[in-house]
PDB file of N, CA and C in Angstrom:
ATOM      1  N   MET A   1    -142.979 123.881  79.818  1.00  0.00           N
ATOM      2  CA  MET A   1    -143.251 123.257  81.091  1.00  0.00           C
ATOM      3  C   MET A   1    -144.680 123.597  81.469  1.00  0.00           C
ATOM      4  N   LYS A   2    -145.286 122.721  82.241  1.00  0.00           N
ATOM      5  CA  LYS A   2    -146.675 122.917  82.641  1.00  0.00           C
ATOM      6  C   LYS A   2    -146.736 123.301  84.115  1.00  0.00           C
ATOM      7  N   LEU A   3    -147.477 124.363  84.397  1.00  0.00           N
ATOM      8  CA  LEU A   3    -147.664 124.832  85.764  1.00  0.00           C
ATOM      9  C   LEU A   3    -148.544 123.842  86.517  1.00  0.00           C
ATOM     10  N   ARG A   4    -148.089 123.411  87.678  1.00  0.00           N
ATOM     11  CA  ARG A   4    -148.862 122.463  88.482  1.00  0.00           C
ATOM     12  C   ARG A   4    -150.133 123.094  89.035  1.00  0.00           C
ATOM     13  N   ASP A   5    -150.006 124.308  89.604  1.00  0.00           N
ATOM     14  CA  ASP A   5    -151.132 124.920  90.306  1.00  0.00           C
ATOM     15  C   ASP A   5    -150.922 126.433  90.372  1.00  0.00           C
ATOM     16  N   SER A   6    -151.819 127.188  89.769  1.00  0.00           N
ATOM     17  CA  SER A   6    -151.666 128.646  89.754  1.00  0.00           C
ATOM     18  C   SER A   6    -151.779 129.241  91.155  1.00  0.00           C
ATOM     19  N   ASP A   7    -152.611 128.648  92.012  1.00  0.00           N
ATOM     20  CA  ASP A   7    -152.726 129.144  93.393  1.00  0.00           C
ATOM     21  C   ASP A   7    -151.423 128.943  94.158  1.00  0.00           C
ATOM     22  N   LEU A   8    -150.759 127.830  93.910  1.00  0.00           N
ATOM     23  CA  LEU A   8    -149.480 127.568  94.565  1.00  0.00           C
ATOM     24  C   LEU A   8    -148.442 128.604  94.132  1.00  0.00           C
ATOM     25  N   LEU A   9    -148.417 128.932  92.852  1.00  0.00           N
ATOM     26  CA  LEU A   9    -147.514 129.972  92.362  1.00  0.00           C
ATOM     27  C   LEU A   9    -147.803 131.289  93.072  1.00  0.00           C
ATOM     28  N   ALA A  10    -149.064 131.655  93.177  1.00  0.00           N
ATOM     29  CA  ALA A  10    -149.439 132.912  93.836  1.00  0.00           C
ATOM     30  C   ALA A  10    -149.021 132.911  95.304  1.00  0.00           C
ATOM     31  N   ARG A  11    -149.178 131.781  95.976  1.00  0.00           N
ATOM     32  CA  ARG A  11    -148.789 131.697  97.399  1.00  0.00           C
ATOM     33  C   ARG A  11    -147.281 131.853  97.567  1.00  0.00           C
ATOM     34  N   TYR A  12    -146.497 131.216  96.715  1.00  0.00           N
ATOM     35  CA  TYR A  12    -145.037 131.377  96.793  1.00  0.00           C
ATOM     36  C   TYR A  12    -144.630 132.812  96.479  1.00  0.00           C
ATOM     37  N   MET A  13    -145.278 133.424  95.509  1.00  0.00           N
ATOM     38  CA  MET A  13    -144.961 134.816  95.187  1.00  0.00           C
ATOM     39  C   MET A  13    -145.236 135.715  96.386  1.00  0.00           C
ATOM     40  N   HIS A  14    -146.362 135.504  97.040  1.00  0.00           N
ATOM     41  CA  HIS A  14    -146.708 136.308  98.215  1.00  0.00           C
ATOM     42  C   HIS A  14    -145.708 136.064  99.346  1.00  0.00           C
ATOM     43  N   ALA A  15    -145.385 134.797  99.588  1.00  0.00           N
ATOM     44  CA  ALA A  15    -144.470 134.448 100.685  1.00  0.00           C
ATOM     45  C   ALA A  15    -143.075 135.031 100.462  1.00  0.00           C
ATOM     46  N   LYS A  16    -142.648 135.088  99.211  1.00  0.00           N
ATOM     47  CA  LYS A  16    -141.304 135.588  98.887  1.00  0.00           C
ATOM     48  C   LYS A  16    -141.316 137.066  98.502  1.00  0.00           C
ATOM     49  N   ASP A  17    -142.492 137.704  98.617  1.00  0.00           N
ATOM     50  CA  ASP A  17    -142.652 139.133  98.333  1.00  0.00           C
ATOM     51  C   ASP A  17    -142.257 139.488  96.898  1.00  0.00           C
ATOM     52  N   PHE A  18    -142.736 138.681  95.947  1.00  0.00           N
ATOM     53  CA  PHE A  18    -142.495 138.933  94.528  1.00  0.00           C
ATOM     54  C   PHE A  18    -143.773 139.447  93.884  1.00  0.00           C
ATOM     55  N   SER A  19    -143.700 140.620  93.287  1.00  0.00           N
ATOM     56  CA  SER A  19    -144.815 141.113  92.481  1.00  0.00           C
ATOM     57  C   SER A  19    -144.755 140.411  91.125  1.00  0.00           C
ATOM     58  N   GLN A  20    -145.831 140.526  90.368  1.00  0.00           N
ATOM     59  CA  GLN A  20    -145.835 139.955  89.029  1.00  0.00           C
ATOM     60  C   GLN A  20    -144.763 140.614  88.165  1.00  0.00           C
ATOM     61  N   ALA A  21    -144.605 141.919  88.316  1.00  0.00           N
ATOM     62  CA  ALA A  21    -143.592 142.637  87.527  1.00  0.00           C
ATOM     63  C   ALA A  21    -142.184 142.184  87.896  1.00  0.00           C
ATOM     64  N   ARG A  22    -141.923 142.051  89.178  1.00  0.00           N
ATOM     65  CA  ARG A  22    -140.582 141.642  89.622  1.00  0.00           C
ATOM     66  C   ARG A  22    -140.253 140.231  89.143  1.00  0.00           C
ATOM     67  N   LEU A  23    -141.215 139.318  89.276  1.00  0.00           N
ATOM     68  CA  LEU A  23    -140.978 137.947  88.833  1.00  0.00           C
ATOM     69  C   LEU A  23    -140.801 137.904  87.317  1.00  0.00           C
ATOM     70  N   GLY A  24    -141.582 138.698  86.604  1.00  0.00           N
ATOM     71  CA  GLY A  24    -141.440 138.767  85.154  1.00  0.00           C
ATOM     72  C   GLY A  24    -140.061 139.252  84.740  1.00  0.00           C
ATOM     73  N   ARG A  25    -139.574 140.284  85.418  1.00  0.00           N
ATOM     74  CA  ARG A  25    -138.222 140.791  85.106  1.00  0.00           C
ATOM     75  C   ARG A  25    -137.180 139.700  85.346  1.00  0.00           C
ATOM     76  N   TYR A  26    -137.299 138.980  86.451  1.00  0.00           N
ATOM     77  CA  TYR A  26    -136.333 137.931  86.781  1.00  0.00           C
ATOM     78  C   TYR A  26    -136.355 136.822  85.716  1.00  0.00           C
ATOM     79  N   ALA A  27    -137.554 136.447  85.293  1.00  0.00           N
ATOM     80  CA  ALA A  27    -137.694 135.332  84.352  1.00  0.00           C
ATOM     81  C   ALA A  27    -137.589 135.764  82.889  1.00  0.00           C
ATOM     82  N   GLY A  28    -137.512 137.075  82.647  1.00  0.00           N
ATOM     83  CA  GLY A  28    -137.385 137.558  81.282  1.00  0.00           C
ATOM     84  C   GLY A  28    -138.680 137.548  80.493  1.00  0.00           C
ATOM     85  N   VAL A  29    -139.804 137.667  81.202  1.00  0.00           N
ATOM     86  CA  VAL A  29    -141.113 137.719  80.545  1.00  0.00           C
ATOM     87  C   VAL A  29    -141.870 138.943  81.062  1.00  0.00           C
ATOM     88  N   SER A  30    -142.998 139.221  80.465  1.00  0.00           N
ATOM     89  CA  SER A  30    -143.772 140.396  80.863  1.00  0.00           C
ATOM     90  C   SER A  30    -144.566 140.142  82.146  1.00  0.00           C
ATOM     91  N   ARG A  31    -144.953 141.231  82.785  1.00  0.00           N
ATOM     92  CA  ARG A  31    -145.835 141.144  83.948  1.00  0.00           C
ATOM     93  C   ARG A  31    -147.151 140.485  83.531  1.00  0.00           C
ATOM     94  N   GLN A  32    -147.597 140.804  82.323  1.00  0.00           N
ATOM     95  CA  GLN A  32    -148.851 140.240  81.836  1.00  0.00           C
ATOM     96  C   GLN A  32    -148.773 138.720  81.709  1.00  0.00           C
ATOM     97  N   PHE A  33    -147.612 138.208  81.305  1.00  0.00           N
ATOM     98  CA  PHE A  33    -147.465 136.756  81.197  1.00  0.00           C
ATOM     99  C   PHE A  33    -147.544 136.111  82.579  1.00  0.00           C
ATOM    100  N   ILE A  34    -146.885 136.710  83.563  1.00  0.00           N
ATOM    101  CA  ILE A  34    -146.958 136.184  84.931  1.00  0.00           C
ATOM    102  C   ILE A  34    -148.399 136.245  85.422  1.00  0.00           C
ATOM    103  N   HIS A  35    -149.104 137.333  85.119  1.00  0.00           N
ATOM    104  CA  HIS A  35    -150.514 137.450  85.495  1.00  0.00           C
ATOM    105  C   HIS A  35    -151.325 136.297  84.901  1.00  0.00           C
ATOM    106  N   LYS A  36    -151.063 135.961  83.648  1.00  0.00           N
ATOM    107  CA  LYS A  36    -151.791 134.860  83.009  1.00  0.00           C
ATOM    108  C   LYS A  36    -151.504 133.529  83.697  1.00  0.00           C
ATOM    109  N   LEU A  37    -150.271 133.324  84.143  1.00  0.00           N
ATOM    110  CA  LEU A  37    -149.950 132.100  84.884  1.00  0.00           C
ATOM    111  C   LEU A  37    -150.694 132.068  86.217  1.00  0.00           C
ATOM    112  N   VAL A  38    -150.653 133.189  86.944  1.00  0.00           N
ATOM    113  CA  VAL A  38    -151.281 133.256  88.269  1.00  0.00           C
ATOM    114  C   VAL A  38    -152.799 133.116  88.167  1.00  0.00           C
ATOM    115  N   SER A  39    -153.383 133.689  87.128  1.00  0.00           N
ATOM    116  CA  SER A  39    -154.842 133.643  86.974  1.00  0.00           C
ATOM    117  C   SER A  39    -155.326 132.322  86.384  1.00  0.00           C
ATOM    118  N   GLY A  40    -154.405 131.526  85.850  1.00  0.00           N
ATOM    119  CA  GLY A  40    -154.786 130.255  85.254  1.00  0.00           C
ATOM    120  C   GLY A  40    -155.129 130.353  83.780  1.00  0.00           C
ATOM    121  N   ASP A  41    -155.031 131.563  83.205  1.00  0.00           N
ATOM    122  CA  ASP A  41    -155.320 131.727  81.779  1.00  0.00           C
ATOM    123  C   ASP A  41    -154.277 131.033  80.910  1.00  0.00           C
ATOM    124  N   THR A  42    -153.051 130.962  81.398  1.00  0.00           N
ATOM    125  CA  THR A  42    -151.960 130.265  80.717  1.00  0.00           C
ATOM    126  C   THR A  42    -151.413 129.221  81.673  1.00  0.00           C
ATOM    127  N   LYS A  43    -151.169 128.030  81.170  1.00  0.00           N
ATOM    128  CA  LYS A  43    -150.683 126.955  82.033  1.00  0.00           C
ATOM    129  C   LYS A  43    -149.300 126.451  81.643  1.00  0.00           C
ATOM    130  N   THR A  44    -148.744 126.966  80.547  1.00  0.00           N
ATOM    131  CA  THR A  44    -147.452 126.462  80.086  1.00  0.00           C
ATOM    132  C   THR A  44    -146.477 127.603  79.816  1.00  0.00           C
ATOM    133  N   CYS A  45    -145.204 127.251  79.864  1.00  0.00           N
ATOM    134  CA  CYS A  45    -144.135 128.195  79.535  1.00  0.00           C
ATOM    135  C   CYS A  45    -142.928 127.379  79.085  1.00  0.00           C
ATOM    136  N   SER A  46    -141.925 128.067  78.621  1.00  0.00           N
ATOM    137  CA  SER A  46    -140.710 127.371  78.202  1.00  0.00           C
ATOM    138  C   SER A  46    -139.995 126.791  79.425  1.00  0.00           C
ATOM    139  N   ARG A  47    -139.141 125.829  79.177  1.00  0.00           N
ATOM    140  CA  ARG A  47    -138.358 125.226  80.261  1.00  0.00           C
ATOM    141  C   ARG A  47    -137.531 126.292  80.974  1.00  0.00           C
ATOM    142  N   GLN A  48    -136.912 127.179  80.210  1.00  0.00           N
ATOM    143  CA  GLN A  48    -136.062 128.215  80.800  1.00  0.00           C
ATOM    144  C   GLN A  48    -136.870 129.124  81.726  1.00  0.00           C
ATOM    145  N   VAL A  49    -138.044 129.552  81.297  1.00  0.00           N
ATOM    146  CA  VAL A  49    -138.874 130.437  82.123  1.00  0.00           C
ATOM    147  C   VAL A  49    -139.329 129.712  83.382  1.00  0.00           C
ATOM    148  N   GLY A  50    -139.767 128.479  83.258  1.00  0.00           N
ATOM    149  CA  GLY A  50    -140.184 127.709  84.433  1.00  0.00           C
ATOM    150  C   GLY A  50    -139.059 127.552  85.440  1.00  0.00           C
ATOM    151  N   GLU A  51    -137.873 127.248  84.938  1.00  0.00           N
ATOM    152  CA  GLU A  51    -136.720 127.088  85.832  1.00  0.00           C
ATOM    153  C   GLU A  51    -136.353 128.405  86.508  1.00  0.00           C
ATOM    154  N   LEU A  52    -136.431 129.509  85.772  1.00  0.00           N
ATOM    155  CA  LEU A  52    -136.116 130.815  86.361  1.00  0.00           C
ATOM    156  C   LEU A  52    -137.144 131.222  87.411  1.00  0.00           C
ATOM    157  N   ILE A  53    -138.402 130.922  87.178  1.00  0.00           N
ATOM    158  CA  ILE A  53    -139.436 131.235  88.169  1.00  0.00           C
ATOM    159  C   ILE A  53    -139.187 130.437  89.441  1.00  0.00           C
ATOM    160  N   GLU A  54    -138.901 129.149  89.307  1.00  0.00           N
ATOM    161  CA  GLU A  54    -138.617 128.334  90.494  1.00  0.00           C
ATOM    162  C   GLU A  54    -137.361 128.824  91.203  1.00  0.00           C
ATOM    163  N   GLU A  55    -136.352 129.214  90.455  1.00  0.00           N
ATOM    164  CA  GLU A  55    -135.121 129.745  91.041  1.00  0.00           C
ATOM    165  C   GLU A  55    -135.404 131.042  91.805  1.00  0.00           C
ATOM    166  N   ALA A  56    -136.161 131.934  91.199  1.00  0.00           N
ATOM    167  CA  ALA A  56    -136.472 133.219  91.839  1.00  0.00           C
ATOM    168  C   ALA A  56    -137.207 133.020  93.160  1.00  0.00           C
ATOM    169  N   LEU A  57    -138.103 132.045  93.191  1.00  0.00           N
ATOM    170  CA  LEU A  57    -138.917 131.814  94.382  1.00  0.00           C
ATOM    171  C   LEU A  57    -138.263 130.838  95.357  1.00  0.00           C
ATOM    172  N   SER A  58    -137.045 130.415  95.043  1.00  0.00           N
ATOM    173  CA  SER A  58    -136.257 129.521  95.913  1.00  0.00           C
ATOM    174  C   SER A  58    -136.993 128.234  96.261  1.00  0.00           C
ATOM    175  N   VAL A  59    -137.566 127.611  95.228  1.00  0.00           N
ATOM    176  CA  VAL A  59    -138.220 126.321  95.428  1.00  0.00           C
ATOM    177  C   VAL A  59    -137.448 125.259  94.659  1.00  0.00           C
ATOM    178  N   LEU A  60    -137.588 124.035  95.067  1.00  0.00           N
ATOM    179  CA  LEU A  60    -136.909 122.938  94.387  1.00  0.00           C
ATOM    180  C   LEU A  60    -137.435 122.779  92.967  1.00  0.00           C
ATOM    181  N   PRO A  61    -136.571 122.398  92.041  1.00  0.00           N
ATOM    182  CA  PRO A  61    -137.033 122.151  90.676  1.00  0.00           C
ATOM    183  C   PRO A  61    -138.164 121.125  90.676  1.00  0.00           C
ATOM    184  N   GLY A  62    -139.194 121.413  89.920  1.00  0.00           N
ATOM    185  CA  GLY A  62    -140.342 120.516  89.847  1.00  0.00           C
ATOM    186  C   GLY A  62    -141.439 120.844  90.837  1.00  0.00           C
ATOM    187  N   THR A  63    -141.208 121.820  91.714  1.00  0.00           N
ATOM    188  CA  THR A  63    -142.225 122.200  92.693  1.00  0.00           C
ATOM    189  C   THR A  63    -143.409 122.880  92.018  1.00  0.00           C
ATOM    190  N   LEU A  64    -143.129 123.784  91.102  1.00  0.00           N
ATOM    191  CA  LEU A  64    -144.192 124.554  90.452  1.00  0.00           C
ATOM    192  C   LEU A  64    -144.494 124.092  89.034  1.00  0.00           C
ATOM    193  N   PHE A  65    -143.499 123.545  88.363  1.00  0.00           N
ATOM    194  CA  PHE A  65    -143.657 123.165  86.958  1.00  0.00           C
ATOM    195  C   PHE A  65    -143.205 121.729  86.731  1.00  0.00           C
ATOM    196  N   VAL A  66    -143.875 121.075  85.797  1.00  0.00           N
ATOM    197  CA  VAL A  66    -143.454 119.744  85.352  1.00  0.00           C
ATOM    198  C   VAL A  66    -143.183 119.818  83.850  1.00  0.00           C
ATOM    199  N   PRO A  67    -142.170 119.109  83.400  1.00  0.00           N
ATOM    200  CA  PRO A  67    -141.889 119.122  81.957  1.00  0.00           C
ATOM    201  C   PRO A  67    -143.070 118.539  81.190  1.00  0.00           C
ATOM    202  N   GLU A  68    -143.366 119.138  80.058  1.00  0.00           N
ATOM    203  CA  GLU A  68    -144.412 118.597  79.197  1.00  0.00           C
ATOM    204  C   GLU A  68    -143.800 117.531  78.317  1.00  0.00           C
ATOM    205  N   GLU A  69    -144.573 116.517  78.055  1.00  0.00           N
ATOM    206  CA  GLU A  69    -144.106 115.447  77.186  1.00  0.00           C
ATOM    207  C   GLU A  69    -144.052 115.971  75.763  1.00  0.00           C
ATOM    208  N   SER A  70    -142.919 115.808  75.152  1.00  0.00           N
ATOM    209  CA  SER A  70    -142.753 116.260  73.777  1.00  0.00           C
ATOM    210  C   SER A  70    -143.504 115.335  72.837  1.00  0.00           C
ATOM    211  N   ARG A  71    -144.080 115.903  71.824  1.00  0.00           N
ATOM    212  CA  ARG A  71    -144.779 115.079  70.835  1.00  0.00           C
ATOM    213  C   ARG A  71    -143.818 114.134  70.133  1.00  0.00           C
ATOM    214  N   GLN A  72    -142.570 114.543  70.026  1.00  0.00           N
ATOM    215  CA  GLN A  72    -141.591 113.717  69.332  1.00  0.00           C
ATOM    216  C   GLN A  72    -141.149 112.531  70.172  1.00  0.00           C
ATOM    217  N   THR A  73    -141.267 112.627  71.493  1.00  0.00           N
ATOM    218  CA  THR A  73    -140.797 111.529  72.328  1.00  0.00           C
ATOM    219  C   THR A  73    -141.924 110.602  72.763  1.00  0.00           C
ATOM    220  N   ARG A  74    -143.156 110.921  72.391  1.00  0.00           N
ATOM    221  CA  ARG A  74    -144.259 110.043  72.744  1.00  0.00           C
ATOM    222  C   ARG A  74    -144.149 108.739  71.979  1.00  0.00           C
ATOM    223  N   PRO A  75    -144.435 107.646  72.654  1.00  0.00           N
ATOM    224  CA  PRO A  75    -144.424 106.384  71.924  1.00  0.00           C
ATOM    225  C   PRO A  75    -145.546 106.376  70.887  1.00  0.00           C
ATOM    226  N   THR A  76    -145.274 105.791  69.774  1.00  0.00           N
ATOM    227  CA  THR A  76    -146.296 105.706  68.736  1.00  0.00           C
ATOM    228  C   THR A  76    -146.804 104.287  68.653  1.00  0.00           C
ATOM    229  N   VAL A  77    -148.024 104.182  68.265  1.00  0.00           N
ATOM    230  CA  VAL A  77    -148.631 102.867  68.101  1.00  0.00           C
ATOM    231  C   VAL A  77    -148.675 102.586  66.615  1.00  0.00           C
ATOM    232  N   SER A  78    -148.093 101.480  66.241  1.00  0.00           N
ATOM    233  CA  SER A  78    -148.162 101.148  64.825  1.00  0.00           C
ATOM    234  C   SER A  78    -149.258 100.112  64.653  1.00  0.00           C
ATOM    235  N   ARG A  79    -150.075 100.346  63.688  1.00  0.00           N
ATOM    236  CA  ARG A  79    -151.209  99.452  63.447  1.00  0.00           C
ATOM    237  C   ARG A  79    -151.010  98.777  62.098  1.00  0.00           C
ATOM    238  N   SER A  80    -151.104  97.514  62.131  1.00  0.00           N
ATOM    239  CA  SER A  80    -150.971  96.797  60.863  1.00  0.00           C
ATOM    240  C   SER A  80    -152.359  96.553  60.292  1.00  0.00           C
ATOM    241  N   LYS A  81    -152.415  96.556  58.997  1.00  0.00           N
ATOM    242  CA  LYS A  81    -153.692  96.307  58.334  1.00  0.00           C
ATOM    243  C   LYS A  81    -153.989  94.821  58.421  1.00  0.00           C
ATOM    244  N   THR A  82    -155.228  94.524  58.678  1.00  0.00           N
ATOM    245  CA  THR A  82    -155.619  93.115  58.724  1.00  0.00           C
ATOM    246  C   THR A  82    -156.197  92.722  57.373  1.00  0.00           C
ATOM    247  N   ALA A  83    -155.869  91.552  56.949  1.00  0.00           N
ATOM    248  CA  ALA A  83    -156.375  91.067  55.664  1.00  0.00           C
ATOM    249  C   ALA A  83    -157.836  90.703  55.811  1.00  0.00           C
ATOM    250  N   ALA A  84    -158.631  91.050  54.815  1.00  0.00           N
ATOM    251  CA  ALA A  84    -160.064  90.768  54.880  1.00  0.00           C
ATOM    252  C   ALA A  84    -160.392  89.465  54.222  1.00  0.00           C
TER     253      ALA A  84
END
């Protein structure tokens, strides 16, 4: 999942009194990983982690994270060769 806005994540964490360590424990990731999300160094995480972070902060699904488009589900363009 892709983080919409690292500042928004930080604001929700502050409002809900979640430290990086506490949120990491809830989501099953390290404090350092949460720090990377908050600082903007990392912008993606697994669907499970994104959902757990939103659950911990009591926000509606999709508030902080959006699903990333899978490479397998992207439409492909087929190009036919033109005769010369």
